[in-house]
Amino acid sequence: MLTKMDVSNTDATNIAGRDVVDRSTNFHGVTPSPLHDLLVRLVDDGTEETNDFIDQLKHFSTAKVRPEGFLGLEKKLRRSGAEDYYIDYALEVKEYFAKLLELSVDKLTIQEVYAMLMSNIRSKFMHHVRPSLTSKTCPEVLDDVMEKVIMPTLGQVAPNPLAINDEVILGMLFFLTGNCHLEWGNAGLQERV
């Protein structure tokens, strides 16, 4: 979990020595970024209240209309050849994230963290996984998802005050997939012929 730490001022102009304290927030091993800034704000100030979801979360929560109609996550994974145990797991982590999302309806900073992570997941998937789906088997695709999307995204937030872990991030990925914001197409997890 992220903890706020006081760091002594090591500025060369510090003539007071050990008694000067810089009260800035520092998270060891975390590279400063907009996401880092949101996590710091959560630790320092909590979250601002709001009455509704921010626009980006409304967008991600709305299923995109497809010519073939709305299939939902289970049908998409089944058509793709995923095994029953994995479909059950995907539905479980997606539902868990959906509940976390619903609990954030009045918490602006948490919504901003979720929106940034979902955007990041979508971008990583579309750039690093989707282009190579046609030549891979289901286990290879799932390994790519873990290696190129889930673990790098987790590395951006671990540790964090929201207890976001790999399953929460997978839940975000399957939430996006279920609402047609991530397209697996007919590639990768394709039905066996």
C-alpha atoms as a PDB file:
ATOM      1  CA  MET A   1       0.000   0.000   0.000  1.00  0.00           C
ATOM      2  CA  LEU A   2       1.245   3.502  -0.731  1.00  0.00           C
ATOM      3  CA  THR A   3       2.349   5.359   2.351  1.00  0.00           C
ATOM      4  CA  LYS A   4       3.230   8.988   2.687  1.00  0.00           C
ATOM      5  CA  MET A   5       6.779   9.573   3.851  1.00  0.00           C
ATOM      6  CA  ASP A   6       8.596  12.666   5.091  1.00  0.00           C
ATOM      7  CA  VAL A   7      11.921  13.057   3.337  1.00  0.00           C
ATOM      8  CA  SER A   8      14.726  15.177   4.800  1.00  0.00           C
ATOM      9  CA  ASN A   9      15.827  18.114   2.741  1.00  0.00           C
ATOM     10  CA  THR A  10      19.167  17.297   1.137  1.00  0.00           C
ATOM     11  CA  ASP A  11      19.524  20.621  -0.664  1.00  0.00           C
ATOM     12  CA  ALA A  12      23.107  21.930  -0.616  1.00  0.00           C
ATOM     13  CA  THR A  13      21.833  25.265   0.725  1.00  0.00           C
ATOM     14  CA  ASN A  14      20.473  23.521   3.830  1.00  0.00           C
ATOM     15  CA  ILE A  15      22.631  24.829   6.647  1.00  0.00           C
ATOM     16  CA  ALA A  16      20.360  23.558   9.429  1.00  0.00           C
ATOM     17  CA  GLY A  17      21.349  19.950   8.731  1.00  0.00           C
ATOM     18  CA  ARG A  18      19.107  17.196  10.013  1.00  0.00           C
ATOM     19  CA  ASP A  19      16.394  19.452  11.478  1.00  0.00           C
ATOM     20  CA  VAL A  20      15.016  20.729   8.131  1.00  0.00           C
ATOM     21  CA  VAL A  21      12.178  18.552   6.825  1.00  0.00           C
ATOM     22  CA  ASP A  22      10.626  18.693   3.375  1.00  0.00           C
ATOM     23  CA  ARG A  23       6.973  17.654   3.738  1.00  0.00           C
ATOM     24  CA  SER A  24       6.504  16.557   0.112  1.00  0.00           C
ATOM     25  CA  THR A  25       4.870  13.210  -0.632  1.00  0.00           C
ATOM     26  CA  ASN A  26       7.162  10.507  -1.967  1.00  0.00           C
ATOM     27  CA  PHE A  27       6.246   6.974  -3.026  1.00  0.00           C
ATOM     28  CA  HIS A  28       9.323   4.820  -3.359  1.00  0.00           C
ATOM     29  CA  GLY A  29       9.683   3.070  -6.711  1.00  0.00           C
ATOM     30  CA  VAL A  30       6.785   4.908  -8.357  1.00  0.00           C
ATOM     31  CA  THR A  31       7.560   7.120 -11.334  1.00  0.00           C
ATOM     32  CA  PRO A  32       5.679  10.441 -11.192  1.00  0.00           C
ATOM     33  CA  SER A  33       2.847  10.518 -13.745  1.00  0.00           C
ATOM     34  CA  PRO A  34      -0.736  11.786 -13.937  1.00  0.00           C
ATOM     35  CA  LEU A  35      -1.843   8.452 -12.466  1.00  0.00           C
ATOM     36  CA  HIS A  36       0.706   8.766  -9.667  1.00  0.00           C
ATOM     37  CA  ASP A  37      -0.575  12.290  -8.972  1.00  0.00           C
ATOM     38  CA  LEU A  38      -4.140  10.953  -8.603  1.00  0.00           C
ATOM     39  CA  LEU A  39      -2.970   8.253  -6.203  1.00  0.00           C
ATOM     40  CA  VAL A  40      -1.060  10.840  -4.150  1.00  0.00           C
ATOM     41  CA  ARG A  41      -4.179  13.016  -4.068  1.00  0.00           C
ATOM     42  CA  LEU A  42      -6.185  10.038  -2.768  1.00  0.00           C
ATOM     43  CA  VAL A  43      -3.699   9.476   0.060  1.00  0.00           C
ATOM     44  CA  ASP A  44      -3.337  13.172   0.893  1.00  0.00           C
ATOM     45  CA  ASP A  45      -6.884  14.481   0.504  1.00  0.00           C
ATOM     46  CA  GLY A  46      -9.233  11.538  -0.030  1.00  0.00           C
ATOM     47  CA  THR A  47     -11.589  11.997  -2.937  1.00  0.00           C
ATOM     48  CA  GLU A  48     -13.857  14.792  -4.075  1.00  0.00           C
ATOM     49  CA  GLU A  49     -17.586  14.149  -4.096  1.00  0.00           C
ATOM     50  CA  THR A  50     -19.541  14.066  -7.344  1.00  0.00           C
ATOM     51  CA  ASN A  51     -23.097  13.249  -8.399  1.00  0.00           C
ATOM     52  CA  ASP A  52     -22.430  11.094 -11.449  1.00  0.00           C
ATOM     53  CA  PHE A  53     -19.805   9.209 -13.401  1.00  0.00           C
ATOM     54  CA  ILE A  54     -17.278  11.238 -15.361  1.00  0.00           C
ATOM     55  CA  ASP A  55     -17.746  11.230 -19.135  1.00  0.00           C
ATOM     56  CA  GLN A  56     -14.989   8.728 -19.903  1.00  0.00           C
ATOM     57  CA  LEU A  57     -16.490   6.167 -17.496  1.00  0.00           C
ATOM     58  CA  LYS A  58     -19.940   6.761 -18.982  1.00  0.00           C
ATOM     59  CA  HIS A  59     -18.402   6.038 -22.390  1.00  0.00           C
ATOM     60  CA  PHE A  60     -16.679   2.835 -21.214  1.00  0.00           C
ATOM     61  CA  SER A  61     -19.840   1.715 -19.377  1.00  0.00           C
ATOM     62  CA  THR A  62     -21.980   2.051 -22.481  1.00  0.00           C
ATOM     63  CA  ALA A  63     -21.967  -0.844 -24.907  1.00  0.00           C
ATOM     64  CA  LYS A  64     -20.888   0.160 -28.390  1.00  0.00           C
ATOM     65  CA  VAL A  65     -23.390  -0.709 -31.090  1.00  0.00           C
ATOM     66  CA  ARG A  66     -22.108  -3.278 -33.558  1.00  0.00           C
ATOM     67  CA  PRO A  67     -23.710  -4.369 -36.860  1.00  0.00           C
ATOM     68  CA  GLU A  68     -23.913  -7.934 -35.503  1.00  0.00           C
ATOM     69  CA  GLY A  69     -25.661  -6.674 -32.353  1.00  0.00           C
ATOM     70  CA  PHE A  70     -24.629  -6.945 -28.710  1.00  0.00           C
ATOM     71  CA  LEU A  71     -23.116 -10.284 -27.739  1.00  0.00           C
ATOM     72  CA  GLY A  72     -21.843  -9.749 -24.209  1.00  0.00           C
ATOM     73  CA  LEU A  73     -18.632 -11.092 -22.734  1.00  0.00           C
ATOM     74  CA  GLU A  74     -19.668 -14.720 -22.279  1.00  0.00           C
ATOM     75  CA  LYS A  75     -20.753 -15.203 -25.895  1.00  0.00           C
ATOM     76  CA  LYS A  76     -17.641 -13.429 -27.169  1.00  0.00           C
ATOM     77  CA  LEU A  77     -15.344 -15.674 -25.156  1.00  0.00           C
ATOM     78  CA  ARG A  78     -17.324 -18.803 -26.029  1.00  0.00           C
ATOM     79  CA  ARG A  79     -17.172 -17.960 -29.765  1.00  0.00           C
ATOM     80  CA  SER A  80     -13.465 -17.395 -29.354  1.00  0.00           C
ATOM     81  CA  GLY A  81     -12.873 -20.889 -28.062  1.00  0.00           C
ATOM     82  CA  ALA A  82     -12.099 -20.012 -24.455  1.00  0.00           C
ATOM     83  CA  GLU A  83     -12.650 -22.868 -22.042  1.00  0.00           C
ATOM     84  CA  ASP A  84     -15.538 -22.843 -19.559  1.00  0.00           C
ATOM     85  CA  TYR A  85     -13.308 -22.354 -16.502  1.00  0.00           C
ATOM     86  CA  TYR A  86     -11.792 -19.234 -18.080  1.00  0.00           C
ATOM     87  CA  ILE A  87     -15.179 -17.851 -19.106  1.00  0.00           C
ATOM     88  CA  ASP A  88     -16.372 -18.261 -15.502  1.00  0.00           C
ATOM     89  CA  TYR A  89     -13.231 -16.534 -14.239  1.00  0.00           C
ATOM     90  CA  ALA A  90     -13.556 -13.674 -16.748  1.00  0.00           C
ATOM     91  CA  LEU A  91     -17.189 -13.102 -15.774  1.00  0.00           C
ATOM     92  CA  GLU A  92     -16.266 -13.164 -12.073  1.00  0.00           C
ATOM     93  CA  VAL A  93     -13.494 -10.555 -12.320  1.00  0.00           C
ATOM     94  CA  LYS A  94     -15.578  -8.394 -14.663  1.00  0.00           C
ATOM     95  CA  GLU A  95     -18.475  -8.391 -12.178  1.00  0.00           C
ATOM     96  CA  TYR A  96     -16.145  -7.632  -9.293  1.00  0.00           C
ATOM     97  CA  PHE A  97     -14.794  -4.595 -11.141  1.00  0.00           C
ATOM     98  CA  ALA A  98     -18.334  -3.520 -12.108  1.00  0.00           C
ATOM     99  CA  LYS A  99     -19.216  -3.506  -8.385  1.00  0.00           C
ATOM    100  CA  LEU A 100     -16.114  -1.452  -7.559  1.00  0.00           C
ATOM    101  CA  LEU A 101     -17.074   0.968 -10.320  1.00  0.00           C
ATOM    102  CA  GLU A 102     -20.610   1.291  -8.975  1.00  0.00           C
ATOM    103  CA  LEU A 103     -19.234   2.053  -5.494  1.00  0.00           C
ATOM    104  CA  SER A 104     -17.247   4.955  -6.980  1.00  0.00           C
ATOM    105  CA  VAL A 105     -20.304   6.751  -8.397  1.00  0.00           C
ATOM    106  CA  ASP A 106     -19.824   9.640  -5.955  1.00  0.00           C
ATOM    107  CA  LYS A 107     -15.992   9.600  -5.730  1.00  0.00           C
ATOM    108  CA  LEU A 108     -14.379  11.760  -8.389  1.00  0.00           C
ATOM    109  CA  THR A 109     -10.703  10.923  -7.803  1.00  0.00           C
ATOM    110  CA  ILE A 110     -11.360   7.169  -7.805  1.00  0.00           C
ATOM    111  CA  GLN A 111     -13.315   7.535 -11.045  1.00  0.00           C
ATOM    112  CA  GLU A 112     -10.392   9.401 -12.579  1.00  0.00           C
ATOM    113  CA  VAL A 113      -8.010   6.585 -11.555  1.00  0.00           C
ATOM    114  CA  TYR A 114     -10.320   3.925 -13.047  1.00  0.00           C
ATOM    115  CA  ALA A 115     -10.814   5.900 -16.265  1.00  0.00           C
ATOM    116  CA  MET A 116      -7.074   6.421 -16.697  1.00  0.00           C
ATOM    117  CA  LEU A 117      -6.372   2.724 -16.084  1.00  0.00           C
ATOM    118  CA  MET A 118      -9.103   1.601 -18.491  1.00  0.00           C
ATOM    119  CA  SER A 119      -7.798   3.924 -21.178  1.00  0.00           C
ATOM    120  CA  ASN A 120      -4.292   2.591 -20.564  1.00  0.00           C
ATOM    121  CA  ILE A 121      -5.506  -1.042 -20.759  1.00  0.00           C
ATOM    122  CA  ARG A 122      -7.333  -0.344 -24.005  1.00  0.00           C
ATOM    123  CA  SER A 123      -4.329   1.356 -25.565  1.00  0.00           C
ATOM    124  CA  LYS A 124      -1.904  -1.409 -24.536  1.00  0.00           C
ATOM    125  CA  PHE A 125      -4.266  -4.098 -25.805  1.00  0.00           C
ATOM    126  CA  MET A 126      -4.848  -2.409 -29.165  1.00  0.00           C
ATOM    127  CA  HIS A 127      -1.132  -1.727 -29.737  1.00  0.00           C
ATOM    128  CA  HIS A 128       0.548  -4.810 -28.274  1.00  0.00           C
ATOM    129  CA  VAL A 129      -1.942  -7.686 -28.318  1.00  0.00           C
ATOM    130  CA  ARG A 130      -4.562  -7.144 -31.024  1.00  0.00           C
ATOM    131  CA  PRO A 131      -2.154  -6.961 -34.009  1.00  0.00           C
ATOM    132  CA  SER A 132      -0.750 -10.440 -33.326  1.00  0.00           C
ATOM    133  CA  LEU A 133      -3.952 -12.292 -32.431  1.00  0.00           C
ATOM    134  CA  THR A 134      -4.364 -14.145 -35.726  1.00  0.00           C
ATOM    135  CA  SER A 135      -1.266 -16.280 -35.300  1.00  0.00           C
ATOM    136  CA  LYS A 136      -1.695 -17.296 -31.658  1.00  0.00           C
ATOM    137  CA  THR A 137      -3.460 -19.983 -29.689  1.00  0.00           C
ATOM    138  CA  CYS A 138      -5.722 -19.205 -26.728  1.00  0.00           C
ATOM    139  CA  PRO A 139      -3.000 -19.813 -24.094  1.00  0.00           C
ATOM    140  CA  GLU A 140      -0.547 -17.655 -26.068  1.00  0.00           C
ATOM    141  CA  VAL A 141      -3.078 -14.824 -26.319  1.00  0.00           C
ATOM    142  CA  LEU A 142      -3.821 -14.976 -22.598  1.00  0.00           C
ATOM    143  CA  ASP A 143      -0.082 -14.965 -21.849  1.00  0.00           C
ATOM    144  CA  ASP A 144       0.307 -11.879 -24.064  1.00  0.00           C
ATOM    145  CA  VAL A 145      -2.575 -10.167 -22.265  1.00  0.00           C
ATOM    146  CA  MET A 146      -0.906 -10.810 -18.899  1.00  0.00           C
ATOM    147  CA  GLU A 147       2.587  -9.864 -20.081  1.00  0.00           C
ATOM    148  CA  LYS A 148       1.803  -6.858 -22.275  1.00  0.00           C
ATOM    149  CA  VAL A 149      -1.308  -5.386 -20.657  1.00  0.00           C
ATOM    150  CA  ILE A 150      -2.075  -6.547 -17.131  1.00  0.00           C
ATOM    151  CA  MET A 151       1.366  -6.662 -15.502  1.00  0.00           C
ATOM    152  CA  PRO A 152       2.647  -3.340 -16.977  1.00  0.00           C
ATOM    153  CA  THR A 153      -0.600  -1.660 -15.889  1.00  0.00           C
ATOM    154  CA  LEU A 154      -0.287  -3.159 -12.420  1.00  0.00           C
ATOM    155  CA  GLY A 155       3.287  -1.861 -12.281  1.00  0.00           C
ATOM    156  CA  GLN A 156       1.939   1.661 -12.746  1.00  0.00           C
ATOM    157  CA  VAL A 157      -0.220   1.488  -9.619  1.00  0.00           C
ATOM    158  CA  ALA A 158       1.372  -1.016  -7.243  1.00  0.00           C
ATOM    159  CA  PRO A 159       1.264  -0.387  -4.404  1.00  0.00           C
ATOM    160  CA  ASN A 160      -1.873   1.762  -4.238  1.00  0.00           C
ATOM    161  CA  PRO A 161      -4.532   2.915  -1.766  1.00  0.00           C
ATOM    162  CA  LEU A 162      -7.366   1.307  -3.773  1.00  0.00           C
ATOM    163  CA  ALA A 163      -5.964  -2.251  -3.530  1.00  0.00           C
ATOM    164  CA  ILE A 164      -5.968  -2.510  -7.334  1.00  0.00           C
ATOM    165  CA  ASN A 165      -4.385  -5.842  -8.204  1.00  0.00           C
ATOM    166  CA  ASP A 166      -4.035  -7.998 -11.318  1.00  0.00           C
ATOM    167  CA  GLU A 167      -7.581  -9.382 -11.003  1.00  0.00           C
ATOM    168  CA  VAL A 168      -9.085  -5.893 -10.777  1.00  0.00           C
ATOM    169  CA  ILE A 169      -7.143  -4.913 -13.903  1.00  0.00           C
ATOM    170  CA  LEU A 170      -8.291  -8.105 -15.662  1.00  0.00           C
ATOM    171  CA  GLY A 171     -11.821  -7.169 -14.587  1.00  0.00           C
ATOM    172  CA  MET A 172     -11.370  -3.811 -16.301  1.00  0.00           C
ATOM    173  CA  LEU A 173     -10.135  -5.559 -19.463  1.00  0.00           C
ATOM    174  CA  PHE A 174     -13.159  -7.884 -19.546  1.00  0.00           C
ATOM    175  CA  PHE A 175     -15.501  -4.995 -18.685  1.00  0.00           C
ATOM    176  CA  LEU A 176     -14.140  -3.175 -21.750  1.00  0.00           C
ATOM    177  CA  THR A 177     -14.415  -6.350 -23.850  1.00  0.00           C
ATOM    178  CA  GLY A 178     -17.995  -6.977 -22.754  1.00  0.00           C
ATOM    179  CA  ASN A 179     -18.969  -3.443 -23.785  1.00  0.00           C
ATOM    180  CA  CYS A 180     -17.185  -3.726 -27.160  1.00  0.00           C
ATOM    181  CA  HIS A 181     -14.422  -1.242 -26.327  1.00  0.00           C
ATOM    182  CA  LEU A 182     -11.826  -3.967 -26.895  1.00  0.00           C
ATOM    183  CA  GLU A 183     -12.169  -6.010 -30.015  1.00  0.00           C
ATOM    184  CA  TRP A 184     -10.736  -9.476 -30.234  1.00  0.00           C
ATOM    185  CA  GLY A 185     -12.311  -9.991 -33.667  1.00  0.00           C
ATOM    186  CA  ASN A 186     -12.255 -13.467 -35.127  1.00  0.00           C
ATOM    187  CA  ALA A 187      -8.581 -13.760 -34.345  1.00  0.00           C
ATOM    188  CA  GLY A 188      -6.521 -15.475 -31.691  1.00  0.00           C
ATOM    189  CA  LEU A 189      -9.057 -17.215 -29.520  1.00  0.00           C
ATOM    190  CA  GLN A 190     -10.818 -18.410 -32.660  1.00  0.00           C
ATOM    191  CA  GLU A 191     -13.011 -21.459 -32.678  1.00  0.00           C
ATOM    192  CA  ARG A 192     -11.229 -24.686 -33.404  1.00  0.00           C
ATOM    193  CA  VAL A 193     -11.878 -26.047 -36.874  1.00  0.00           C
END
